[in-house]
N, C-alpha and C. Protein backbone atom coordinates (compact mmCIF):
# COMPACT_ATOMS: atom_id res chain seq x y z
N MET A 1 133.66 115.62 104.42
CA MET A 1 133.30 116.39 104.10
C MET A 1 131.32 116.60 103.80
N PHE A 2 131.02 115.29 102.76
CA PHE A 2 129.61 115.23 102.48
C PHE A 2 128.73 115.07 103.84
N TYR A 3 129.49 114.47 105.02
CA TYR A 3 128.47 114.31 105.94
C TYR A 3 128.25 115.68 107.05
N PHE A 4 129.36 116.68 106.67
CA PHE A 4 129.56 117.71 107.58
C PHE A 4 128.36 118.80 106.60
N ILE A 5 128.56 118.57 105.10
CA ILE A 5 127.25 119.66 104.66
C ILE A 5 126.03 118.79 104.63
N LEU A 6 125.77 117.58 104.93
CA LEU A 6 124.70 117.18 105.26
C LEU A 6 123.95 117.42 106.45
N GLU A 7 124.86 117.55 107.31
CA GLU A 7 124.46 117.85 108.96
C GLU A 7 124.26 119.24 108.78
N SER A 8 124.65 119.99 107.96
CA SER A 8 124.64 121.76 108.16
C SER A 8 123.11 121.93 107.47
N VAL A 9 123.01 120.95 106.78
CA VAL A 9 121.62 121.51 105.70
C VAL A 9 120.90 121.02 106.84
N PHE A 10 120.48 119.62 107.56
CA PHE A 10 119.58 118.98 108.21
C PHE A 10 119.23 119.89 109.21
N PHE A 11 120.61 120.94 110.17
CA PHE A 11 120.36 121.51 111.22
C PHE A 11 119.70 123.14 110.76
N LEU A 12 120.04 123.45 109.66
CA LEU A 12 119.60 124.82 109.10
C LEU A 12 117.93 124.50 108.93
N ALA A 13 117.68 123.46 107.94
CA ALA A 13 116.29 122.98 108.13
C ALA A 13 115.37 123.15 109.37
N LEU A 14 116.10 122.32 110.41
CA LEU A 14 115.56 122.17 111.74
C LEU A 14 115.48 123.92 112.31
N ALA A 15 116.04 124.28 112.02
CA ALA A 15 116.41 126.07 112.73
C ALA A 15 114.67 126.30 111.84
N VAL A 16 114.77 126.41 110.68
CA VAL A 16 113.62 126.94 109.82
C VAL A 16 112.39 126.54 110.77
N VAL A 17 112.60 125.10 110.77
CA VAL A 17 110.94 124.74 111.09
C VAL A 17 110.35 124.88 112.59
N SER A 18 111.64 125.45 113.71
CA SER A 18 111.66 125.79 114.68
C SER A 18 111.23 127.00 114.70
N LEU A 19 111.74 127.61 113.68
CA LEU A 19 111.36 128.89 113.82
C LEU A 19 110.18 129.50 113.58
N LEU A 20 109.45 128.77 112.58
CA LEU A 20 107.98 128.39 112.08
C LEU A 20 106.97 127.94 113.20
N MET A 21 107.41 127.35 113.93
CA MET A 21 106.58 126.80 114.91
C MET A 21 106.87 127.66 116.24
N LEU A 22 107.55 128.27 116.45
CA LEU A 22 107.71 129.36 117.58
C LEU A 22 106.76 130.85 117.00
N ARG A 23 106.81 130.84 115.88
CA ARG A 23 105.81 132.00 115.19
C ARG A 23 104.34 131.44 115.63
N ARG A 24 104.19 130.24 115.27
CA ARG A 24 102.58 129.84 115.34
C ARG A 24 102.23 129.77 116.83
N LEU A 25 103.08 129.56 117.90
CA LEU A 25 102.78 129.06 119.48
C LEU A 25 101.92 130.03 119.80
N PRO A 26 101.90 131.33 119.84
CA PRO A 26 100.98 132.29 120.39
C PRO A 26 99.18 132.02 120.00
N LEU A 27 99.42 131.28 118.75
CA LEU A 27 98.18 131.01 118.14
C LEU A 27 97.52 129.81 118.97
N VAL A 28 98.31 128.98 119.24
CA VAL A 28 98.09 127.72 119.81
C VAL A 28 97.70 127.79 121.40
N ASP A 29 98.15 128.66 122.11
CA ASP A 29 98.39 128.78 123.44
C ASP A 29 96.74 128.83 124.05
N GLY A 30 95.96 129.34 123.09
CA GLY A 30 94.69 129.64 123.43
C GLY A 30 94.19 131.23 124.06
N PHE A 31 94.57 132.08 123.31
CA PHE A 31 94.14 133.67 123.89
C PHE A 31 92.69 133.67 123.47
N GLU A 32 92.06 134.35 124.60
CA GLU A 32 90.73 134.58 124.35
C GLU A 32 90.12 135.56 123.06
N ASP A 33 90.77 136.88 123.17
CA ASP A 33 91.05 138.06 122.34
C ASP A 33 92.06 137.49 121.64
N GLU A 34 91.81 137.91 120.02
CA GLU A 34 92.62 137.73 118.85
C GLU A 34 93.83 139.09 119.10
N LYS A 35 94.94 138.69 119.12
CA LYS A 35 95.97 140.14 119.12
C LYS A 35 96.60 140.32 117.62
N PRO A 36 96.82 141.27 117.32
CA PRO A 36 97.36 141.50 116.09
C PRO A 36 98.42 141.05 115.80
N SER A 37 98.81 140.61 114.51
CA SER A 37 100.65 139.74 114.65
C SER A 37 101.35 141.02 114.36
N ARG A 38 102.34 140.78 115.64
CA ARG A 38 103.67 141.81 115.07
C ARG A 38 104.22 141.64 114.24
N GLY A 39 104.42 140.09 113.69
CA GLY A 39 105.11 140.04 112.55
C GLY A 39 106.57 139.62 112.95
N THR A 40 107.53 139.54 112.08
CA THR A 40 108.92 139.02 112.57
C THR A 40 109.80 139.55 113.40
N LEU A 41 108.95 141.23 113.70
CA LEU A 41 109.85 142.10 114.54
C LEU A 41 109.86 141.83 115.52
N ALA A 42 109.11 140.86 116.22
CA ALA A 42 109.42 140.44 117.73
C ALA A 42 110.30 139.69 117.90
N VAL A 43 110.25 138.60 116.85
CA VAL A 43 111.16 137.57 116.71
C VAL A 43 112.68 138.06 116.89
N TRP A 44 112.64 139.00 116.03
CA TRP A 44 114.18 139.19 115.63
C TRP A 44 114.66 140.74 116.14
N GLY A 45 113.99 141.26 116.70
CA GLY A 45 114.43 142.89 117.35
C GLY A 45 113.98 143.65 115.63
N LYS A 46 114.91 144.33 115.51
CA LYS A 46 114.48 145.62 114.43
C LYS A 46 114.84 144.97 112.91
N ALA A 47 115.32 143.54 112.86
CA ALA A 47 115.14 143.25 111.75
C ALA A 47 113.82 142.53 110.94
N HIS A 48 113.81 142.93 109.98
CA HIS A 48 112.39 142.83 109.35
C HIS A 48 112.58 141.44 108.14
N TRP A 49 112.24 140.28 108.49
CA TRP A 49 112.39 139.56 107.75
C TRP A 49 110.78 139.05 106.98
N HIS A 50 110.17 139.53 105.91
CA HIS A 50 109.02 139.40 105.55
C HIS A 50 109.13 138.22 104.60
N TRP A 51 110.05 137.36 104.70
CA TRP A 51 109.65 135.99 103.60
C TRP A 51 109.32 134.73 104.79
N VAL A 52 109.70 135.26 105.97
CA VAL A 52 109.18 134.05 107.03
C VAL A 52 108.05 134.42 106.71
N ASP A 53 107.12 135.52 107.09
CA ASP A 53 105.89 135.65 107.28
C ASP A 53 105.19 134.76 106.11
N ARG A 54 105.75 135.27 104.80
CA ARG A 54 104.84 134.75 103.71
C ARG A 54 105.32 133.47 103.51
N VAL A 55 106.33 132.54 103.99
CA VAL A 55 106.25 131.12 103.78
C VAL A 55 105.60 130.90 105.17
N ASP A 56 105.31 131.30 106.37
CA ASP A 56 104.38 130.84 107.30
C ASP A 56 102.59 130.69 106.91
N LYS A 57 102.58 131.68 106.24
CA LYS A 57 101.18 131.55 105.64
C LYS A 57 100.92 130.70 104.44
N GLU A 58 101.57 130.83 103.52
CA GLU A 58 101.73 129.73 102.66
C GLU A 58 101.74 128.02 103.34
N VAL A 59 102.53 127.74 104.25
CA VAL A 59 102.82 126.45 104.77
C VAL A 59 101.29 125.97 105.49
N THR A 60 100.90 127.31 106.34
CA THR A 60 99.39 127.25 106.87
C THR A 60 98.37 127.08 106.18
N PHE A 61 98.21 127.83 104.62
CA PHE A 61 97.20 127.48 103.77
C PHE A 61 97.40 126.00 103.23
N TYR A 62 98.54 125.78 102.91
CA TYR A 62 98.74 124.48 101.99
C TYR A 62 98.58 123.25 102.99
N LEU A 63 98.99 123.30 104.50
CA LEU A 63 98.57 122.32 105.52
C LEU A 63 97.06 122.33 105.73
N ALA A 64 96.11 123.10 105.79
CA ALA A 64 94.95 123.29 105.95
C ALA A 64 94.59 122.67 104.38
N LYS A 65 94.66 122.94 103.59
CA LYS A 65 93.93 122.43 102.58
C LYS A 65 94.24 120.91 102.17
N THR A 66 95.35 120.46 102.53
CA THR A 66 95.63 119.04 102.59
C THR A 66 95.17 118.22 103.61
N LEU A 67 95.26 118.78 104.56
CA LEU A 67 94.17 118.17 105.95
C LEU A 67 92.75 118.21 105.60
N ARG A 68 92.00 119.37 104.80
CA ARG A 68 91.06 118.74 104.33
C ARG A 68 90.51 117.64 103.39
N ARG A 69 91.69 117.88 102.63
CA ARG A 69 91.36 116.86 101.54
C ARG A 69 91.64 115.28 102.09
N VAL A 70 92.50 115.37 102.79
CA VAL A 70 92.96 114.07 103.40
C VAL A 70 91.31 113.72 104.35
N LYS A 71 90.62 114.42 105.45
CA LYS A 71 89.31 114.16 105.88
C LYS A 71 88.36 113.84 104.70
N VAL A 72 88.24 114.40 103.79
CA VAL A 72 87.50 113.80 102.57
C VAL A 72 87.80 112.52 101.98
N TRP A 73 88.77 112.02 102.18
CA TRP A 73 88.91 111.16 101.26
C TRP A 73 88.89 109.90 102.34
N THR A 74 89.22 110.37 103.66
CA THR A 74 88.74 109.40 104.72
C THR A 74 87.18 109.12 104.96
N MET A 75 86.73 110.01 104.57
CA MET A 75 85.06 109.81 105.00
C MET A 75 84.58 109.19 103.39
N LYS A 76 85.11 109.21 102.41
CA LYS A 76 84.86 108.61 101.39
C LYS A 76 85.24 106.87 101.46
N PHE A 77 86.05 106.85 102.17
CA PHE A 77 86.76 105.68 102.30
C PHE A 77 85.75 104.81 103.39
N ASP A 78 85.40 105.57 104.32
CA ASP A 78 84.31 104.99 105.17
C ASP A 78 82.90 104.88 104.75
N ALA A 79 82.89 105.50 104.03
CA ALA A 79 81.22 105.20 103.20
C ALA A 79 81.36 104.06 102.41
N LEU A 80 82.41 103.74 101.85
CA LEU A 80 82.76 102.70 101.06
C LEU A 80 82.83 101.16 101.93
N ILE A 81 83.29 101.43 102.88
CA ILE A 81 83.65 100.22 104.03
C ILE A 81 81.95 99.93 104.43
N ALA A 82 81.57 101.16 104.82
CA ALA A 82 80.08 100.77 105.38
C ALA A 82 79.17 100.10 104.61
N ARG A 83 79.27 100.81 103.17
CA ARG A 83 78.38 100.32 102.26
C ARG A 83 78.70 98.61 102.01
N SER A 84 80.11 98.28 102.17
CA SER A 84 80.42 97.01 102.16
C SER A 84 79.84 96.17 102.97
N LEU A 85 80.17 96.61 104.17
CA LEU A 85 79.79 95.98 105.73
C LEU A 85 78.39 95.65 105.87
N GLU A 86 77.55 96.53 104.92
CA GLU A 86 75.82 96.71 105.12
C GLU A 86 75.55 95.79 104.01
N ARG A 87 76.03 95.53 102.92
CA ARG A 87 75.90 94.54 101.88
C ARG A 87 76.19 92.66 102.39
N VAL A 88 77.05 92.95 103.40
CA VAL A 88 77.55 91.34 103.82
C VAL A 88 76.60 91.25 105.10
N GLY A 89 76.57 92.30 105.54
CA GLY A 89 75.42 92.04 106.73
C GLY A 89 74.02 91.74 106.51
N SER A 90 73.68 92.17 105.34
CA SER A 90 72.09 91.79 104.89
C SER A 90 72.24 90.45 104.40
N ARG A 91 73.18 90.07 103.76
CA ARG A 91 73.16 88.45 103.33
C ARG A 91 73.42 87.87 104.42
N ALA A 92 74.10 88.04 105.28
CA ALA A 92 74.26 87.38 106.62
C ALA A 92 73.07 87.03 107.14
N ASN A 93 71.86 88.22 107.49
CA ASN A 93 70.67 87.87 108.13
C ASN A 93 69.83 87.08 107.34
N VAL A 94 70.10 87.22 106.21
CA VAL A 94 69.30 86.28 105.26
C VAL A 94 69.42 85.21 105.34
N ASN A 95 70.35 84.66 104.90
CA ASN A 95 71.15 83.26 104.84
C ASN A 95 70.95 82.53 106.06
N GLY A 96 71.37 82.82 107.30
CA GLY A 96 71.74 82.14 108.43
C GLY A 96 71.37 82.60 109.71
N GLY A 97 71.37 83.77 110.07
CA GLY A 97 70.93 84.11 110.86
C GLY A 97 72.32 84.91 111.73
N GLY A 98 73.22 85.12 110.64
CA GLY A 98 74.42 86.08 111.08
C GLY A 98 75.65 85.28 111.23
N GLU A 99 76.12 83.92 110.61
CA GLU A 99 77.23 83.29 110.76
C GLU A 99 77.89 83.43 109.79
N SER A 100 79.09 84.33 110.11
CA SER A 100 80.08 85.14 109.30
C SER A 100 80.51 83.49 108.48
N GLN A 101 81.24 82.85 108.58
CA GLN A 101 81.85 81.65 107.97
C GLN A 101 80.77 81.50 106.87
N HIS A 102 79.82 81.27 107.08
CA HIS A 102 78.69 80.72 106.01
C HIS A 102 78.75 81.75 104.83
N VAL A 103 78.57 83.18 105.64
CA VAL A 103 78.75 84.35 104.30
C VAL A 103 79.67 84.32 103.51
N ILE A 104 80.95 84.02 104.31
CA ILE A 104 82.12 84.16 103.40
C ILE A 104 82.21 82.94 102.49
N LYS A 105 81.96 81.66 102.93
CA LYS A 105 81.85 80.52 101.71
C LYS A 105 80.73 80.59 101.00
N THR A 106 79.23 81.17 101.50
CA THR A 106 78.40 81.73 100.04
C THR A 106 79.28 82.63 99.15
N LEU A 107 79.90 83.63 99.28
CA LEU A 107 80.17 84.69 98.36
C LEU A 107 81.52 84.18 97.60
N GLN A 108 82.27 82.90 98.13
CA GLN A 108 82.94 82.30 97.52
C GLN A 108 82.52 81.37 96.34
N ASP A 109 81.77 80.68 97.04
CA ASP A 109 80.70 80.05 95.93
C ASP A 109 80.29 80.37 95.06
N GLU A 110 79.54 81.86 94.91
CA GLU A 110 79.07 82.41 94.20
C GLU A 110 80.07 83.21 92.76
N ARG A 111 80.97 83.53 93.68
CA ARG A 111 82.38 84.31 93.02
C ARG A 111 83.06 82.92 92.17
N ARG A 112 83.14 81.72 92.39
CA ARG A 112 83.70 80.76 91.60
C ARG A 112 82.51 80.13 90.51
N ARG A 113 81.51 79.96 90.80
CA ARG A 113 80.73 79.86 89.93
C ARG A 113 80.48 81.23 88.38
N ALA A 114 80.64 82.15 89.30
CA ALA A 114 80.45 82.89 88.00
C ALA A 114 81.59 82.99 87.27
N GLN A 115 82.60 82.48 87.76
CA GLN A 115 84.22 82.51 86.93
C GLN A 115 83.93 81.37 86.21
N GLU A 116 83.59 80.11 86.59
CA GLU A 116 83.42 78.90 85.74
C GLU A 116 82.60 79.11 84.81
N SER A 117 81.16 79.82 84.71
CA SER A 117 80.66 79.91 83.75
C SER A 117 80.91 80.80 82.64
N ALA A 118 81.97 81.97 83.31
CA ALA A 118 82.43 82.73 82.15
C ALA A 118 83.57 81.87 81.25
N ASP A 119 84.49 80.95 82.21
CA ASP A 119 85.48 80.31 81.40
C ASP A 119 84.72 79.00 80.63
N ASP A 120 83.28 78.59 80.75
CA ASP A 120 83.04 77.64 79.79
C ASP A 120 82.10 78.79 78.66
N GLN A 121 81.95 79.75 78.81
CA GLN A 121 81.11 80.48 77.86
C GLN A 121 82.76 80.85 77.06
N ASN A 122 84.03 80.78 77.04
CA ASN A 122 84.81 81.11 76.39
C ASN A 122 85.31 79.77 75.76
N ASP A 123 85.32 78.78 76.30
CA ASP A 123 85.71 77.55 75.79
C ASP A 123 84.69 76.61 74.81
N GLU A 124 83.36 77.35 74.52
CA GLU A 124 82.69 76.87 73.37
C GLU A 124 83.05 77.52 72.05
N PRO A 125 82.79 76.44 71.18
CA PRO A 125 83.52 76.97 69.51
C PRO A 125 82.54 77.77 69.11
N LEU A 126 82.97 78.48 68.48
CA LEU A 126 81.71 79.57 67.42
C LEU A 126 81.10 78.57 66.37
N GLU A 127 79.64 78.95 66.34
CA GLU A 127 79.24 78.13 65.32
C GLU A 127 79.14 79.26 64.14
N GLN A 128 79.32 78.47 63.00
CA GLN A 128 79.66 79.27 61.75
C GLN A 128 78.50 78.51 60.69
């Protein structure tokens, strides 16, 4: 019985998603002139289901908003990576003509020295 209920809910959700996709299909088709929306009357005959239009508008709004935010975060991440690569690239050009292994080894040595100096400072007894 559980599987029947689960399957029914799944196919009902699939039907709603398909309905919403079919409602938006004329907008994707690429009409040159904008036709006013006929609402759900064209899909369901004489039955008016206004909640479908409202859900469609809400989903479109939040999807566009989410995609804009994802685009902004992607651009920020790209800028972060670009700055990091510029910093490593400038060190590579200064240190030896662009040998990447040399740059990585130099960065690792710098980190190890910084960590050792921090450990040495923590190990010194306090003078009283």
